[in-house]
Amino acid sequence: LRARGVAARIELPGGLTDLTRLDQVRDALAAIPHEGGGAQGTGPIVFGALPFDPTEPASLIVPAWVETRSADGAVYRTTVLASGERASEPAATDARGEPESFHLRSERSFEDWRELVTRALEDIARARFEKIVLARAVRVETDRPVRLVPVLRRLEGLFPECTVFHVGGFFGASPELVI
């Protein structure tokens, strides 16, 4: 599954427990004009970073362009259209060269990270939690802009069992299910 652009945002102020609003999201998706066939795996979809607490507000994004690949290798594309608009392929990546130098900086020191992991493992051992999700942000500074598509492809190759994602400048590979 690949997606680009933002055709619409759908806010869920009552979180995922507002079943009436979730029905409205389903109905809104069904009503969106799009090109893409109608085969299984086509049509408008939503992406969202959903809170673990289902009562907290959530936000969903309807991508402007989606590509799905079935188990047999068939590729399906869906383009969400504004009124009177025709579909077009996403813009090709530009020809900039790769960065020649880069600097990695963790947002958290190694000692702080190790302490956080140690505390999480202790909490799990004490049965305070069944699962804890820890993420470590790393800032990368380069001498020229990074071409995102090659980076995402490398992440996909390095971590084939992970979900590779890019949303609003934030990207990575996660072993967690990203919905």
N, C-alpha and C. Protein backbone atom coordinates (compact mmCIF):
# COMPACT_ATOMS: atom_id res chain seq x y z
N LEU A 1 0.85 -1.17 0.00
CA LEU A 1 0.00 0.00 0.00
C LEU A 1 0.89 1.22 0.00
N ARG A 2 0.68 2.11 -0.96
CA ARG A 2 1.38 3.40 -1.02
C ARG A 2 0.34 4.47 -1.21
N ALA A 3 0.59 5.63 -0.62
CA ALA A 3 -0.36 6.72 -0.77
C ALA A 3 0.39 8.04 -0.78
N ARG A 4 -0.20 9.02 -1.46
CA ARG A 4 0.39 10.36 -1.53
C ARG A 4 -0.71 11.40 -1.48
N GLY A 5 -0.34 12.56 -0.96
CA GLY A 5 -1.24 13.70 -0.96
C GLY A 5 -2.34 13.60 0.08
N VAL A 6 -3.05 14.69 0.25
CA VAL A 6 -4.17 14.75 1.18
C VAL A 6 -5.37 15.29 0.43
N ALA A 7 -6.36 14.43 0.22
CA ALA A 7 -7.60 14.87 -0.42
C ALA A 7 -8.56 15.44 0.62
N ALA A 8 -8.52 14.89 1.83
CA ALA A 8 -9.43 15.36 2.89
C ALA A 8 -8.91 14.90 4.25
N ARG A 9 -9.30 15.64 5.26
CA ARG A 9 -9.03 15.26 6.66
C ARG A 9 -10.38 15.04 7.33
N ILE A 10 -10.46 14.01 8.13
CA ILE A 10 -11.69 13.72 8.86
C ILE A 10 -11.33 13.69 10.35
N GLU A 11 -11.94 14.60 11.09
CA GLU A 11 -11.67 14.69 12.53
C GLU A 11 -12.67 13.83 13.30
N LEU A 12 -12.17 13.15 14.32
CA LEU A 12 -13.01 12.35 15.21
C LEU A 12 -12.85 12.91 16.62
N PRO A 13 -13.54 14.00 16.94
CA PRO A 13 -13.34 14.64 18.25
C PRO A 13 -13.71 13.74 19.42
N GLY A 14 -14.64 12.80 19.20
CA GLY A 14 -15.03 11.87 20.26
C GLY A 14 -14.24 10.58 20.24
N GLY A 15 -13.20 10.53 19.42
CA GLY A 15 -12.38 9.33 19.35
C GLY A 15 -13.07 8.21 18.60
N LEU A 16 -12.59 7.02 18.85
CA LEU A 16 -13.10 5.84 18.15
C LEU A 16 -14.34 5.24 18.79
N THR A 17 -14.78 5.83 19.90
CA THR A 17 -15.97 5.30 20.57
C THR A 17 -17.26 5.91 20.02
N ASP A 18 -17.13 6.95 19.19
CA ASP A 18 -18.30 7.61 18.60
C ASP A 18 -18.71 6.83 17.35
N LEU A 19 -19.52 5.79 17.54
CA LEU A 19 -19.89 4.90 16.44
C LEU A 19 -20.68 5.63 15.36
N THR A 20 -21.47 6.63 15.73
CA THR A 20 -22.21 7.40 14.73
C THR A 20 -21.24 8.10 13.79
N ARG A 21 -20.20 8.68 14.35
CA ARG A 21 -19.20 9.39 13.53
C ARG A 21 -18.46 8.39 12.64
N LEU A 22 -18.15 7.21 13.15
CA LEU A 22 -17.46 6.20 12.34
C LEU A 22 -18.34 5.75 11.18
N ASP A 23 -19.64 5.66 11.38
CA ASP A 23 -20.57 5.35 10.27
C ASP A 23 -20.53 6.48 9.24
N GLN A 24 -20.42 7.73 9.71
CA GLN A 24 -20.35 8.86 8.79
C GLN A 24 -19.06 8.81 7.97
N VAL A 25 -17.96 8.36 8.58
CA VAL A 25 -16.69 8.23 7.87
C VAL A 25 -16.86 7.19 6.75
N ARG A 26 -17.45 6.05 7.06
CA ARG A 26 -17.68 5.01 6.05
C ARG A 26 -18.53 5.54 4.90
N ASP A 27 -19.60 6.25 5.24
CA ASP A 27 -20.48 6.80 4.21
C ASP A 27 -19.76 7.87 3.38
N ALA A 28 -18.93 8.69 4.02
CA ALA A 28 -18.18 9.73 3.31
C ALA A 28 -17.20 9.10 2.33
N LEU A 29 -16.54 8.04 2.73
CA LEU A 29 -15.61 7.35 1.83
C LEU A 29 -16.34 6.79 0.61
N ALA A 30 -17.50 6.22 0.84
CA ALA A 30 -18.27 5.63 -0.26
C ALA A 30 -18.73 6.70 -1.25
N ALA A 31 -18.90 7.94 -0.79
CA ALA A 31 -19.41 9.01 -1.65
C ALA A 31 -18.32 9.80 -2.37
N ILE A 32 -17.05 9.55 -2.08
CA ILE A 32 -15.97 10.33 -2.69
C ILE A 32 -15.80 9.95 -4.15
N PRO A 33 -15.83 10.94 -5.06
CA PRO A 33 -15.59 10.63 -6.47
C PRO A 33 -14.13 10.21 -6.66
N HIS A 34 -13.93 9.14 -7.44
CA HIS A 34 -12.57 8.64 -7.66
C HIS A 34 -12.50 7.86 -8.95
N GLU A 35 -11.26 7.70 -9.43
CA GLU A 35 -11.00 6.82 -10.56
C GLU A 35 -10.16 5.68 -10.03
N GLY A 36 -10.45 4.48 -10.50
CA GLY A 36 -9.64 3.36 -10.03
C GLY A 36 -10.31 2.03 -10.21
N GLY A 37 -11.38 1.98 -10.90
CA GLY A 37 -11.91 0.67 -11.25
C GLY A 37 -13.07 0.21 -10.41
N GLY A 38 -12.86 -0.23 -9.23
CA GLY A 38 -13.91 -0.84 -8.44
C GLY A 38 -13.53 -2.24 -8.04
N ALA A 39 -12.34 -2.69 -8.48
CA ALA A 39 -11.87 -4.00 -8.07
C ALA A 39 -11.56 -3.99 -6.58
N GLN A 40 -11.55 -5.18 -5.99
CA GLN A 40 -11.18 -5.28 -4.58
C GLN A 40 -9.79 -4.66 -4.39
N GLY A 41 -9.64 -3.84 -3.36
CA GLY A 41 -8.37 -3.17 -3.12
C GLY A 41 -8.30 -1.79 -3.73
N THR A 42 -9.41 -1.31 -4.33
CA THR A 42 -9.43 0.05 -4.88
C THR A 42 -10.46 0.87 -4.13
N GLY A 43 -10.40 2.15 -4.35
CA GLY A 43 -11.34 3.07 -3.72
C GLY A 43 -10.65 3.89 -2.64
N PRO A 44 -11.30 4.96 -2.21
CA PRO A 44 -10.75 5.82 -1.18
C PRO A 44 -10.57 5.07 0.14
N ILE A 45 -9.50 5.40 0.85
CA ILE A 45 -9.21 4.82 2.15
C ILE A 45 -8.84 5.95 3.10
N VAL A 46 -8.67 5.63 4.37
CA VAL A 46 -8.18 6.61 5.33
C VAL A 46 -6.94 6.07 6.02
N PHE A 47 -6.05 7.00 6.37
CA PHE A 47 -4.90 6.70 7.22
C PHE A 47 -5.10 7.50 8.49
N GLY A 48 -4.59 6.99 9.59
CA GLY A 48 -4.67 7.77 10.82
C GLY A 48 -3.65 7.33 11.83
N ALA A 49 -3.18 8.26 12.61
CA ALA A 49 -2.38 7.96 13.79
C ALA A 49 -3.38 7.97 14.93
N LEU A 50 -3.76 6.79 15.37
CA LEU A 50 -4.85 6.67 16.32
C LEU A 50 -4.30 6.52 17.74
N PRO A 51 -4.91 7.20 18.70
CA PRO A 51 -4.44 7.10 20.08
C PRO A 51 -4.76 5.72 20.66
N PHE A 52 -3.95 5.31 21.63
CA PHE A 52 -4.22 4.03 22.30
C PHE A 52 -5.50 4.10 23.11
N ASP A 53 -5.83 5.27 23.63
CA ASP A 53 -7.07 5.47 24.37
C ASP A 53 -8.16 5.80 23.35
N PRO A 54 -9.13 4.89 23.12
CA PRO A 54 -10.12 5.11 22.07
C PRO A 54 -11.05 6.29 22.33
N THR A 55 -11.06 6.86 23.53
CA THR A 55 -11.91 8.01 23.81
C THR A 55 -11.23 9.33 23.45
N GLU A 56 -9.92 9.30 23.18
CA GLU A 56 -9.19 10.51 22.82
C GLU A 56 -9.49 10.90 21.38
N PRO A 57 -9.44 12.19 21.05
CA PRO A 57 -9.69 12.63 19.67
C PRO A 57 -8.72 11.99 18.69
N ALA A 58 -9.18 11.76 17.47
CA ALA A 58 -8.35 11.17 16.42
C ALA A 58 -8.56 11.96 15.13
N SER A 59 -7.62 11.80 14.23
CA SER A 59 -7.70 12.48 12.95
C SER A 59 -7.35 11.48 11.85
N LEU A 60 -8.13 11.49 10.79
CA LEU A 60 -7.91 10.58 9.66
C LEU A 60 -7.60 11.40 8.42
N ILE A 61 -6.80 10.83 7.53
CA ILE A 61 -6.46 11.49 6.27
C ILE A 61 -6.91 10.60 5.12
N VAL A 62 -7.60 11.18 4.15
CA VAL A 62 -7.94 10.49 2.91
C VAL A 62 -6.86 10.89 1.91
N PRO A 63 -5.98 9.95 1.51
CA PRO A 63 -4.94 10.30 0.55
C PRO A 63 -5.53 10.61 -0.83
N ALA A 64 -4.84 11.48 -1.57
CA ALA A 64 -5.28 11.85 -2.91
C ALA A 64 -5.00 10.75 -3.92
N TRP A 65 -3.98 9.93 -3.65
CA TRP A 65 -3.57 8.87 -4.58
C TRP A 65 -3.15 7.66 -3.76
N VAL A 66 -3.67 6.48 -4.12
CA VAL A 66 -3.36 5.24 -3.40
C VAL A 66 -3.02 4.16 -4.41
N GLU A 67 -2.00 3.39 -4.09
CA GLU A 67 -1.65 2.22 -4.89
C GLU A 67 -1.61 1.02 -3.97
N THR A 68 -2.31 -0.05 -4.35
CA THR A 68 -2.29 -1.29 -3.58
C THR A 68 -1.78 -2.41 -4.48
N ARG A 69 -1.19 -3.40 -3.84
CA ARG A 69 -0.67 -4.56 -4.57
C ARG A 69 -1.29 -5.80 -3.92
N SER A 70 -1.92 -6.63 -4.73
CA SER A 70 -2.56 -7.84 -4.21
C SER A 70 -1.53 -8.95 -4.04
N ALA A 71 -1.92 -10.01 -3.39
CA ALA A 71 -1.02 -11.14 -3.14
C ALA A 71 -0.50 -11.75 -4.44
N ASP A 72 -1.29 -11.67 -5.52
CA ASP A 72 -0.84 -12.22 -6.80
C ASP A 72 0.00 -11.24 -7.61
N GLY A 73 0.28 -10.06 -7.03
CA GLY A 73 1.15 -9.08 -7.69
C GLY A 73 0.43 -8.03 -8.52
N ALA A 74 -0.88 -8.12 -8.63
CA ALA A 74 -1.63 -7.12 -9.39
C ALA A 74 -1.57 -5.77 -8.66
N VAL A 75 -1.43 -4.70 -9.41
CA VAL A 75 -1.34 -3.35 -8.83
C VAL A 75 -2.60 -2.58 -9.19
N TYR A 76 -3.20 -1.94 -8.20
CA TYR A 76 -4.40 -1.14 -8.39
C TYR A 76 -4.13 0.27 -7.91
N ARG A 77 -4.58 1.25 -8.68
CA ARG A 77 -4.40 2.66 -8.30
C ARG A 77 -5.76 3.33 -8.19
N THR A 78 -5.88 4.16 -7.16
CA THR A 78 -7.08 4.96 -6.95
C THR A 78 -6.66 6.41 -6.80
N THR A 79 -7.32 7.30 -7.52
CA THR A 79 -7.08 8.73 -7.40
C THR A 79 -8.38 9.39 -6.97
N VAL A 80 -8.32 10.11 -5.85
CA VAL A 80 -9.49 10.84 -5.36
C VAL A 80 -9.56 12.13 -6.14
N LEU A 81 -10.75 12.44 -6.65
CA LEU A 81 -10.92 13.57 -7.56
C LEU A 81 -11.75 14.69 -6.93
N ALA A 82 -11.34 15.92 -7.21
CA ALA A 82 -12.20 17.06 -6.91
C ALA A 82 -13.23 17.13 -8.03
N SER A 83 -14.27 17.85 -7.84
CA SER A 83 -15.33 17.95 -8.84
C SER A 83 -14.75 18.38 -10.19
N GLY A 84 -14.99 17.59 -11.25
CA GLY A 84 -14.53 17.90 -12.59
C GLY A 84 -13.06 17.61 -12.85
N GLU A 85 -12.34 17.12 -11.88
CA GLU A 85 -10.90 16.86 -12.04
C GLU A 85 -10.67 15.52 -12.71
N ARG A 86 -9.58 15.40 -13.47
CA ARG A 86 -9.16 14.13 -14.07
C ARG A 86 -7.97 13.60 -13.30
N ALA A 87 -7.80 12.31 -13.29
CA ALA A 87 -6.70 11.69 -12.56
C ALA A 87 -5.38 11.93 -13.25
N SER A 88 -4.31 11.99 -12.46
CA SER A 88 -2.96 12.06 -13.00
C SER A 88 -2.04 11.29 -12.08
N GLU A 89 -0.92 10.83 -12.62
CA GLU A 89 0.06 10.10 -11.81
C GLU A 89 0.74 11.07 -10.85
N PRO A 90 1.23 10.59 -9.72
CA PRO A 90 1.97 11.45 -8.82
C PRO A 90 3.23 11.96 -9.52
N ALA A 91 3.70 13.11 -9.08
CA ALA A 91 4.90 13.69 -9.68
C ALA A 91 6.09 12.75 -9.51
N ALA A 92 6.91 12.67 -10.54
CA ALA A 92 8.11 11.84 -10.47
C ALA A 92 9.13 12.49 -9.54
N THR A 93 10.01 11.67 -8.98
CA THR A 93 11.05 12.22 -8.12
C THR A 93 12.02 13.01 -8.97
N ASP A 94 12.63 14.03 -8.38
CA ASP A 94 13.55 14.87 -9.14
C ASP A 94 14.93 14.22 -9.23
N ALA A 95 15.82 14.87 -9.96
CA ALA A 95 17.12 14.27 -10.27
C ALA A 95 18.24 14.75 -9.33
N ARG A 96 17.91 15.31 -8.19
CA ARG A 96 18.96 15.73 -7.26
C ARG A 96 19.81 14.53 -6.87
N GLY A 97 21.08 14.79 -6.65
CA GLY A 97 21.97 13.73 -6.20
C GLY A 97 21.74 13.42 -4.74
N GLU A 98 22.31 12.31 -4.33
CA GLU A 98 22.22 11.91 -2.92
C GLU A 98 23.07 12.84 -2.06
N PRO A 99 22.72 13.03 -0.80
CA PRO A 99 23.58 13.82 0.09
C PRO A 99 24.96 13.17 0.19
N GLU A 100 25.98 14.01 0.29
CA GLU A 100 27.34 13.51 0.42
C GLU A 100 27.77 13.41 1.88
N SER A 101 27.11 14.17 2.74
CA SER A 101 27.44 14.08 4.16
C SER A 101 26.16 14.22 4.97
N PHE A 102 26.17 13.61 6.13
CA PHE A 102 25.02 13.71 7.03
C PHE A 102 25.49 13.57 8.47
N HIS A 103 24.65 14.06 9.36
CA HIS A 103 24.93 13.99 10.79
C HIS A 103 23.68 13.45 11.48
N LEU A 104 23.83 12.42 12.30
CA LEU A 104 22.72 11.85 13.05
C LEU A 104 22.76 12.36 14.49
N ARG A 105 21.60 12.74 15.00
CA ARG A 105 21.54 13.19 16.38
C ARG A 105 20.25 12.66 16.99
N SER A 106 20.39 11.92 18.06
CA SER A 106 19.22 11.41 18.76
C SER A 106 18.60 12.54 19.56
N GLU A 107 17.30 12.57 19.62
CA GLU A 107 16.60 13.56 20.42
C GLU A 107 16.75 13.25 21.91
N ARG A 108 17.21 12.04 22.21
CA ARG A 108 17.38 11.58 23.59
C ARG A 108 18.77 10.98 23.71
N SER A 109 19.47 11.26 24.78
CA SER A 109 20.81 10.71 24.94
C SER A 109 20.73 9.18 25.08
N PHE A 110 21.85 8.52 24.78
CA PHE A 110 21.89 7.06 24.89
C PHE A 110 21.60 6.61 26.31
N GLU A 111 22.17 7.32 27.30
CA GLU A 111 21.93 6.95 28.71
C GLU A 111 20.47 7.11 29.08
N ASP A 112 19.83 8.20 28.65
CA ASP A 112 18.40 8.38 28.91
C ASP A 112 17.57 7.29 28.25
N TRP A 113 17.94 6.93 27.01
CA TRP A 113 17.22 5.87 26.30
C TRP A 113 17.36 4.53 27.03
N ARG A 114 18.59 4.20 27.44
CA ARG A 114 18.81 2.94 28.15
C ARG A 114 18.00 2.91 29.44
N GLU A 115 17.96 4.02 30.17
CA GLU A 115 17.18 4.09 31.41
C GLU A 115 15.69 3.90 31.13
N LEU A 116 15.19 4.51 30.07
CA LEU A 116 13.79 4.36 29.70
C LEU A 116 13.45 2.90 29.39
N VAL A 117 14.31 2.24 28.62
CA VAL A 117 14.10 0.83 28.29
C VAL A 117 14.15 -0.02 29.55
N THR A 118 15.12 0.23 30.42
CA THR A 118 15.24 -0.53 31.68
C THR A 118 13.98 -0.39 32.52
N ARG A 119 13.48 0.85 32.67
CA ARG A 119 12.25 1.06 33.44
C ARG A 119 11.06 0.35 32.80
N ALA A 120 10.98 0.38 31.48
CA ALA A 120 9.87 -0.29 30.79
C ALA A 120 9.92 -1.79 31.04
N LEU A 121 11.10 -2.39 30.96
CA LEU A 121 11.23 -3.83 31.21
C LEU A 121 10.88 -4.17 32.66
N GLU A 122 11.28 -3.31 33.59
CA GLU A 122 10.93 -3.54 35.00
C GLU A 122 9.42 -3.46 35.19
N ASP A 123 8.77 -2.48 34.57
CA ASP A 123 7.32 -2.35 34.67
C ASP A 123 6.60 -3.57 34.10
N ILE A 124 7.10 -4.10 33.00
CA ILE A 124 6.51 -5.30 32.42
C ILE A 124 6.72 -6.49 33.37
N ALA A 125 7.93 -6.62 33.94
CA ALA A 125 8.22 -7.72 34.87
C ALA A 125 7.32 -7.65 36.10
N ARG A 126 6.95 -6.44 36.53
CA ARG A 126 6.06 -6.26 37.69
C ARG A 126 4.59 -6.36 37.30
N ALA A 127 4.32 -6.68 36.05
CA ALA A 127 2.95 -6.83 35.53
C ALA A 127 2.17 -5.52 35.59
N ARG A 128 2.86 -4.39 35.57
CA ARG A 128 2.17 -3.10 35.51
C ARG A 128 1.61 -2.87 34.12
N PHE A 129 2.30 -3.42 33.11
CA PHE A 129 1.87 -3.30 31.71
C PHE A 129 2.10 -4.63 31.03
N GLU A 130 1.29 -4.91 30.00
CA GLU A 130 1.53 -6.09 29.16
C GLU A 130 2.43 -5.73 28.00
N LYS A 131 2.34 -4.49 27.57
CA LYS A 131 3.08 -4.06 26.39
C LYS A 131 3.39 -2.59 26.53
N ILE A 132 4.58 -2.21 26.12
CA ILE A 132 4.98 -0.81 26.10
C ILE A 132 5.61 -0.57 24.73
N VAL A 133 5.20 0.50 24.08
CA VAL A 133 5.78 0.84 22.79
C VAL A 133 6.72 2.02 23.00
N LEU A 134 7.99 1.82 22.67
CA LEU A 134 9.00 2.86 22.79
C LEU A 134 9.48 3.22 21.39
N ALA A 135 9.58 4.50 21.13
CA ALA A 135 10.09 4.96 19.84
C ALA A 135 11.23 5.93 20.12
N ARG A 136 12.27 5.83 19.34
CA ARG A 136 13.42 6.71 19.51
C ARG A 136 13.56 7.56 18.25
N ALA A 137 13.34 8.85 18.39
CA ALA A 137 13.47 9.77 17.26
C ALA A 137 14.94 10.09 17.03
N VAL A 138 15.32 10.09 15.76
CA VAL A 138 16.68 10.45 15.37
C VAL A 138 16.57 11.55 14.32
N ARG A 139 17.26 12.65 14.54
CA ARG A 139 17.28 13.76 13.59
C ARG A 139 18.47 13.57 12.65
N VAL A 140 18.23 13.71 11.36
CA VAL A 140 19.28 13.57 10.35
C VAL A 140 19.43 14.91 9.64
N GLU A 141 20.64 15.46 9.67
CA GLU A 141 20.94 16.70 8.97
C GLU A 141 21.89 16.38 7.83
N THR A 142 21.56 16.86 6.63
CA THR A 142 22.36 16.54 5.44
C THR A 142 22.82 17.81 4.74
N ASP A 143 23.80 17.65 3.83
CA ASP A 143 24.33 18.79 3.09
C ASP A 143 23.45 19.17 1.89
N ARG A 144 22.47 18.36 1.55
CA ARG A 144 21.50 18.70 0.51
C ARG A 144 20.22 17.92 0.80
N PRO A 145 19.12 18.32 0.19
CA PRO A 145 17.85 17.64 0.48
C PRO A 145 17.91 16.14 0.22
N VAL A 146 17.21 15.40 1.06
CA VAL A 146 17.13 13.95 0.94
C VAL A 146 15.99 13.60 -0.01
N ARG A 147 16.24 12.71 -0.93
CA ARG A 147 15.17 12.21 -1.81
C ARG A 147 14.46 11.12 -1.02
N LEU A 148 13.21 11.34 -0.72
CA LEU A 148 12.46 10.48 0.18
C LEU A 148 12.24 9.07 -0.36
N VAL A 149 11.90 8.94 -1.63
CA VAL A 149 11.57 7.62 -2.19
C VAL A 149 12.71 6.63 -2.02
N PRO A 150 13.97 6.97 -2.36
CA PRO A 150 15.06 6.00 -2.13
C PRO A 150 15.23 5.63 -0.66
N VAL A 151 15.01 6.58 0.24
CA VAL A 151 15.14 6.28 1.68
C VAL A 151 14.05 5.30 2.10
N LEU A 152 12.82 5.53 1.65
CA LEU A 152 11.73 4.61 2.00
C LEU A 152 11.98 3.22 1.41
N ARG A 153 12.52 3.17 0.19
CA ARG A 153 12.83 1.86 -0.41
C ARG A 153 13.92 1.14 0.38
N ARG A 154 14.93 1.89 0.86
CA ARG A 154 15.98 1.26 1.68
C ARG A 154 15.40 0.73 2.98
N LEU A 155 14.53 1.51 3.63
CA LEU A 155 13.89 1.04 4.86
C LEU A 155 13.10 -0.23 4.60
N GLU A 156 12.39 -0.26 3.48
CA GLU A 156 11.60 -1.43 3.12
C GLU A 156 12.51 -2.65 2.91
N GLY A 157 13.67 -2.44 2.26
CA GLY A 157 14.61 -3.53 2.04
C GLY A 157 15.28 -4.00 3.32
N LEU A 158 15.61 -3.06 4.21
CA LEU A 158 16.27 -3.41 5.47
C LEU A 158 15.32 -4.05 6.47
N PHE A 159 14.06 -3.65 6.44
CA PHE A 159 13.08 -4.12 7.42
C PHE A 159 11.83 -4.63 6.70
N PRO A 160 11.94 -5.73 5.94
CA PRO A 160 10.81 -6.17 5.10
C PRO A 160 9.56 -6.57 5.88
N GLU A 161 9.69 -6.92 7.14
CA GLU A 161 8.51 -7.31 7.93
C GLU A 161 7.85 -6.11 8.60
N CYS A 162 8.44 -4.93 8.45
CA CYS A 162 7.92 -3.73 9.09
C CYS A 162 6.98 -2.96 8.16
N THR A 163 6.24 -2.06 8.75
CA THR A 163 5.43 -1.12 7.98
C THR A 163 6.28 0.13 7.79
N VAL A 164 6.54 0.48 6.54
CA VAL A 164 7.28 1.69 6.22
C VAL A 164 6.25 2.79 6.00
N PHE A 165 6.47 3.96 6.61
CA PHE A 165 5.48 5.03 6.53
C PHE A 165 6.13 6.38 6.32
N HIS A 166 5.35 7.32 5.79
CA HIS A 166 5.74 8.72 5.66
C HIS A 166 4.48 9.55 5.75
N VAL A 167 4.39 10.36 6.77
CA VAL A 167 3.23 11.22 6.97
C VAL A 167 3.73 12.58 7.44
N GLY A 168 3.49 13.60 6.63
CA GLY A 168 3.81 14.96 7.03
C GLY A 168 5.25 15.20 7.43
N GLY A 169 6.20 14.63 6.74
CA GLY A 169 7.61 14.84 7.05
C GLY A 169 8.16 13.86 8.06
N PHE A 170 7.32 13.05 8.68
CA PHE A 170 7.73 12.04 9.65
C PHE A 170 7.72 10.70 8.94
N PHE A 171 8.84 9.99 8.95
CA PHE A 171 8.87 8.70 8.26
C PHE A 171 9.71 7.71 9.04
N GLY A 172 9.51 6.43 8.72
CA GLY A 172 10.26 5.39 9.41
C GLY A 172 9.77 4.02 9.04
N ALA A 173 10.22 3.04 9.83
CA ALA A 173 9.80 1.65 9.67
C ALA A 173 9.43 1.15 11.06
N SER A 174 8.25 0.59 11.19
CA SER A 174 7.76 0.18 12.51
C SER A 174 7.32 -1.29 12.48
N PRO A 175 7.72 -2.07 13.51
CA PRO A 175 7.21 -3.43 13.58
C PRO A 175 5.75 -3.47 14.02
N GLU A 176 5.23 -2.33 14.49
CA GLU A 176 3.84 -2.25 14.91
C GLU A 176 2.94 -2.09 13.71
N LEU A 177 1.71 -2.52 13.84
CA LEU A 177 0.72 -2.31 12.79
C LEU A 177 0.44 -0.82 12.72
N VAL A 178 0.60 -0.25 11.56
CA VAL A 178 0.29 1.16 11.35
C VAL A 178 -1.00 1.21 10.56
N ILE A 179 -2.02 1.83 11.16
CA ILE A 179 -3.35 1.88 10.53
C ILE A 179 -3.58 3.28 10.03
